[in-house]
């Protein structure tokens, strides 16, 4: 994964621990801290409800909403 250069501007990880920045080799870090074009990753650091829709209201980003506002709406 360290050699990947992902291109999506926003990457959403809908699984537990993908955003666990305190663990070595966390998945979200490979997407945002590399030579790719990803600007934002949204991941979870602990167990989460799997029935929560992480992509709900994602159309707000297309309409110009800030990513922090979108995350607050989740």
N, C-alpha and C. Protein backbone atom coordinates (compact mmCIF):
# COMPACT_ATOMS: atom_id res chain seq x y z
N UNK A 1 0.81 -1.20 0.00
CA UNK A 1 0.00 0.00 0.00
C UNK A 1 0.85 1.26 0.00
N UNK A 2 2.04 1.18 0.50
CA UNK A 2 2.88 2.37 0.59
C UNK A 2 3.23 2.93 -0.79
N UNK A 3 3.15 2.12 -1.83
CA UNK A 3 3.50 2.56 -3.18
C UNK A 3 2.30 3.06 -3.97
N UNK A 4 1.11 3.01 -3.39
CA UNK A 4 -0.09 3.49 -4.07
C UNK A 4 -0.07 5.00 -4.23
N UNK A 5 -0.70 5.48 -5.28
CA UNK A 5 -0.91 6.91 -5.48
C UNK A 5 -2.39 7.12 -5.80
N UNK A 6 -3.25 7.02 -4.79
CA UNK A 6 -4.69 7.14 -5.05
C UNK A 6 -5.07 8.52 -5.56
N UNK A 7 -6.07 8.57 -6.43
CA UNK A 7 -6.48 9.83 -7.05
C UNK A 7 -7.76 10.45 -6.53
N UNK A 8 -8.65 9.71 -5.83
CA UNK A 8 -9.88 10.38 -5.40
C UNK A 8 -9.59 11.51 -4.42
N UNK A 9 -10.33 12.60 -4.57
CA UNK A 9 -10.13 13.74 -3.66
C UNK A 9 -10.60 13.40 -2.25
N UNK A 10 -11.69 12.61 -2.15
CA UNK A 10 -12.25 12.22 -0.86
C UNK A 10 -12.36 10.70 -0.83
N UNK A 11 -11.84 10.07 0.21
CA UNK A 11 -11.96 8.62 0.39
C UNK A 11 -12.68 8.34 1.69
N UNK A 12 -13.73 7.53 1.63
CA UNK A 12 -14.51 7.18 2.80
C UNK A 12 -14.26 5.71 3.12
N UNK A 13 -13.83 5.44 4.34
CA UNK A 13 -13.60 4.07 4.80
C UNK A 13 -14.73 3.69 5.75
N UNK A 14 -15.53 2.72 5.37
CA UNK A 14 -16.67 2.32 6.18
C UNK A 14 -16.37 1.00 6.88
N UNK A 15 -15.33 1.00 7.66
CA UNK A 15 -14.96 -0.19 8.44
C UNK A 15 -14.26 0.27 9.72
N UNK A 16 -14.25 -0.57 10.70
CA UNK A 16 -13.61 -0.22 11.97
C UNK A 16 -12.10 -0.15 11.83
N UNK A 17 -11.50 0.79 12.50
CA UNK A 17 -10.05 0.94 12.66
C UNK A 17 -9.30 1.40 11.42
N UNK A 18 -9.94 1.69 10.29
CA UNK A 18 -9.21 2.17 9.12
C UNK A 18 -8.59 3.54 9.34
N UNK A 19 -9.12 4.31 10.26
CA UNK A 19 -8.57 5.62 10.56
C UNK A 19 -7.80 5.67 11.86
N UNK A 20 -7.40 4.52 12.37
CA UNK A 20 -6.68 4.46 13.66
C UNK A 20 -5.26 4.97 13.50
N UNK A 21 -5.12 6.30 13.55
CA UNK A 21 -3.82 6.92 13.31
C UNK A 21 -2.79 6.57 14.37
N UNK A 22 -3.22 6.06 15.50
CA UNK A 22 -2.27 5.69 16.56
C UNK A 22 -1.69 4.30 16.36
N UNK A 23 -2.17 3.58 15.35
CA UNK A 23 -1.65 2.25 15.02
C UNK A 23 -0.73 2.34 13.80
N UNK A 24 0.38 1.62 13.79
CA UNK A 24 1.25 1.65 12.61
C UNK A 24 0.56 1.01 11.41
N UNK A 25 0.75 1.60 10.25
CA UNK A 25 0.19 1.04 9.02
C UNK A 25 -1.30 1.24 8.86
N UNK A 26 -1.86 2.29 9.46
CA UNK A 26 -3.31 2.49 9.33
C UNK A 26 -3.66 2.86 7.88
N UNK A 27 -4.76 2.32 7.40
CA UNK A 27 -5.13 2.39 5.99
C UNK A 27 -5.33 3.83 5.51
N UNK A 28 -6.00 4.65 6.29
CA UNK A 28 -6.28 6.03 5.85
C UNK A 28 -4.99 6.80 5.60
N UNK A 29 -3.97 6.53 6.36
CA UNK A 29 -2.69 7.22 6.19
C UNK A 29 -2.04 6.95 4.85
N UNK A 30 -2.22 5.75 4.33
CA UNK A 30 -1.67 5.42 3.02
C UNK A 30 -2.35 6.22 1.91
N UNK A 31 -3.57 6.63 2.14
CA UNK A 31 -4.30 7.36 1.12
C UNK A 31 -4.05 8.86 1.16
N UNK A 32 -3.81 9.41 2.33
CA UNK A 32 -3.66 10.87 2.41
C UNK A 32 -2.20 11.32 2.47
N UNK A 33 -1.32 10.51 3.01
CA UNK A 33 0.09 10.89 3.12
C UNK A 33 0.93 10.13 2.10
N UNK A 34 0.75 10.48 0.83
CA UNK A 34 1.50 9.85 -0.25
C UNK A 34 1.58 10.83 -1.42
N UNK A 35 2.00 10.34 -2.57
CA UNK A 35 2.14 11.21 -3.74
C UNK A 35 0.88 11.30 -4.58
N UNK A 36 -0.22 10.74 -4.10
CA UNK A 36 -1.48 10.78 -4.85
C UNK A 36 -2.15 12.14 -4.74
N UNK A 37 -3.42 12.18 -5.13
CA UNK A 37 -4.16 13.44 -5.17
C UNK A 37 -5.27 13.51 -4.12
N UNK A 38 -5.29 12.58 -3.18
CA UNK A 38 -6.32 12.57 -2.14
C UNK A 38 -6.12 13.75 -1.20
N UNK A 39 -7.21 14.45 -0.90
CA UNK A 39 -7.17 15.60 -0.02
C UNK A 39 -7.74 15.27 1.35
N UNK A 40 -8.80 14.44 1.39
CA UNK A 40 -9.50 14.13 2.64
C UNK A 40 -9.79 12.65 2.72
N UNK A 41 -9.57 12.08 3.90
CA UNK A 41 -10.03 10.72 4.17
C UNK A 41 -10.92 10.77 5.41
N UNK A 42 -11.96 9.96 5.41
CA UNK A 42 -12.84 9.86 6.57
C UNK A 42 -12.83 8.40 6.98
N UNK A 43 -12.26 8.13 8.15
CA UNK A 43 -12.16 6.77 8.64
C UNK A 43 -12.52 6.71 10.11
N UNK A 44 -12.60 5.52 10.63
CA UNK A 44 -12.99 5.32 12.02
C UNK A 44 -11.81 4.79 12.82
N UNK A 45 -11.67 5.27 14.05
CA UNK A 45 -10.57 4.82 14.89
C UNK A 45 -10.97 3.72 15.85
N UNK A 46 -12.25 3.51 16.03
CA UNK A 46 -12.75 2.48 16.93
C UNK A 46 -13.92 1.75 16.27
N UNK A 47 -14.52 0.82 16.99
CA UNK A 47 -15.70 0.14 16.46
C UNK A 47 -16.81 1.15 16.18
N UNK A 48 -17.50 0.94 15.08
CA UNK A 48 -18.58 1.85 14.69
C UNK A 48 -19.82 1.05 14.33
N UNK A 49 -20.93 1.74 14.30
CA UNK A 49 -22.16 1.11 13.83
C UNK A 49 -22.06 0.90 12.33
N UNK A 50 -22.16 -0.31 11.87
CA UNK A 50 -22.03 -0.59 10.45
C UNK A 50 -23.27 -0.17 9.66
N UNK A 51 -24.38 0.10 10.34
CA UNK A 51 -25.56 0.54 9.61
C UNK A 51 -25.62 2.05 9.44
N UNK A 52 -24.59 2.76 9.91
CA UNK A 52 -24.51 4.20 9.70
C UNK A 52 -24.06 4.44 8.26
N UNK A 53 -24.73 5.27 7.56
CA UNK A 53 -24.41 5.54 6.16
C UNK A 53 -23.38 6.65 6.07
N UNK A 54 -22.15 6.30 5.87
CA UNK A 54 -21.08 7.31 5.81
C UNK A 54 -21.23 8.21 4.59
N UNK A 55 -21.89 7.74 3.56
CA UNK A 55 -22.00 8.54 2.34
C UNK A 55 -23.28 9.38 2.28
N UNK A 56 -24.07 9.36 3.37
CA UNK A 56 -25.29 10.17 3.35
C UNK A 56 -24.92 11.65 3.25
N UNK A 57 -25.68 12.36 2.54
CA UNK A 57 -25.50 13.80 2.33
C UNK A 57 -24.21 14.15 1.59
N UNK A 58 -23.61 13.18 0.89
CA UNK A 58 -22.35 13.47 0.19
C UNK A 58 -22.57 14.46 -0.95
N UNK A 59 -23.80 14.57 -1.41
CA UNK A 59 -24.12 15.56 -2.43
C UNK A 59 -23.84 16.99 -1.98
N UNK A 60 -23.79 17.20 -0.66
CA UNK A 60 -23.45 18.53 -0.15
C UNK A 60 -22.06 18.96 -0.60
N UNK A 61 -21.14 18.01 -0.74
CA UNK A 61 -19.79 18.36 -1.20
C UNK A 61 -19.84 18.87 -2.63
N UNK A 62 -20.65 18.22 -3.45
CA UNK A 62 -20.81 18.64 -4.84
C UNK A 62 -21.40 20.05 -4.92
N UNK A 63 -22.25 20.36 -3.96
CA UNK A 63 -22.91 21.67 -3.94
C UNK A 63 -22.01 22.76 -3.35
N UNK A 64 -20.81 22.39 -2.89
CA UNK A 64 -19.86 23.38 -2.40
C UNK A 64 -19.70 23.45 -0.90
N UNK A 65 -20.34 22.53 -0.17
CA UNK A 65 -20.19 22.54 1.29
C UNK A 65 -18.76 22.17 1.68
N UNK A 66 -18.29 22.71 2.77
CA UNK A 66 -16.96 22.37 3.28
C UNK A 66 -16.98 20.95 3.84
N UNK A 67 -15.86 20.25 3.75
CA UNK A 67 -15.78 18.86 4.21
C UNK A 67 -16.04 18.77 5.71
N UNK A 68 -15.61 19.74 6.48
CA UNK A 68 -15.86 19.73 7.92
C UNK A 68 -17.34 19.83 8.24
N UNK A 69 -18.08 20.62 7.46
CA UNK A 69 -19.52 20.73 7.65
C UNK A 69 -20.19 19.40 7.32
N UNK A 70 -19.76 18.77 6.23
CA UNK A 70 -20.33 17.48 5.84
C UNK A 70 -20.08 16.43 6.92
N UNK A 71 -18.87 16.37 7.46
CA UNK A 71 -18.57 15.40 8.52
C UNK A 71 -19.41 15.65 9.77
N UNK A 72 -19.68 16.90 10.07
CA UNK A 72 -20.49 17.22 11.24
C UNK A 72 -21.93 16.76 11.06
N UNK A 73 -22.37 16.63 9.81
CA UNK A 73 -23.75 16.20 9.53
C UNK A 73 -23.92 14.70 9.64
N UNK A 74 -22.84 13.94 9.66
CA UNK A 74 -22.96 12.48 9.67
C UNK A 74 -23.52 11.96 10.95
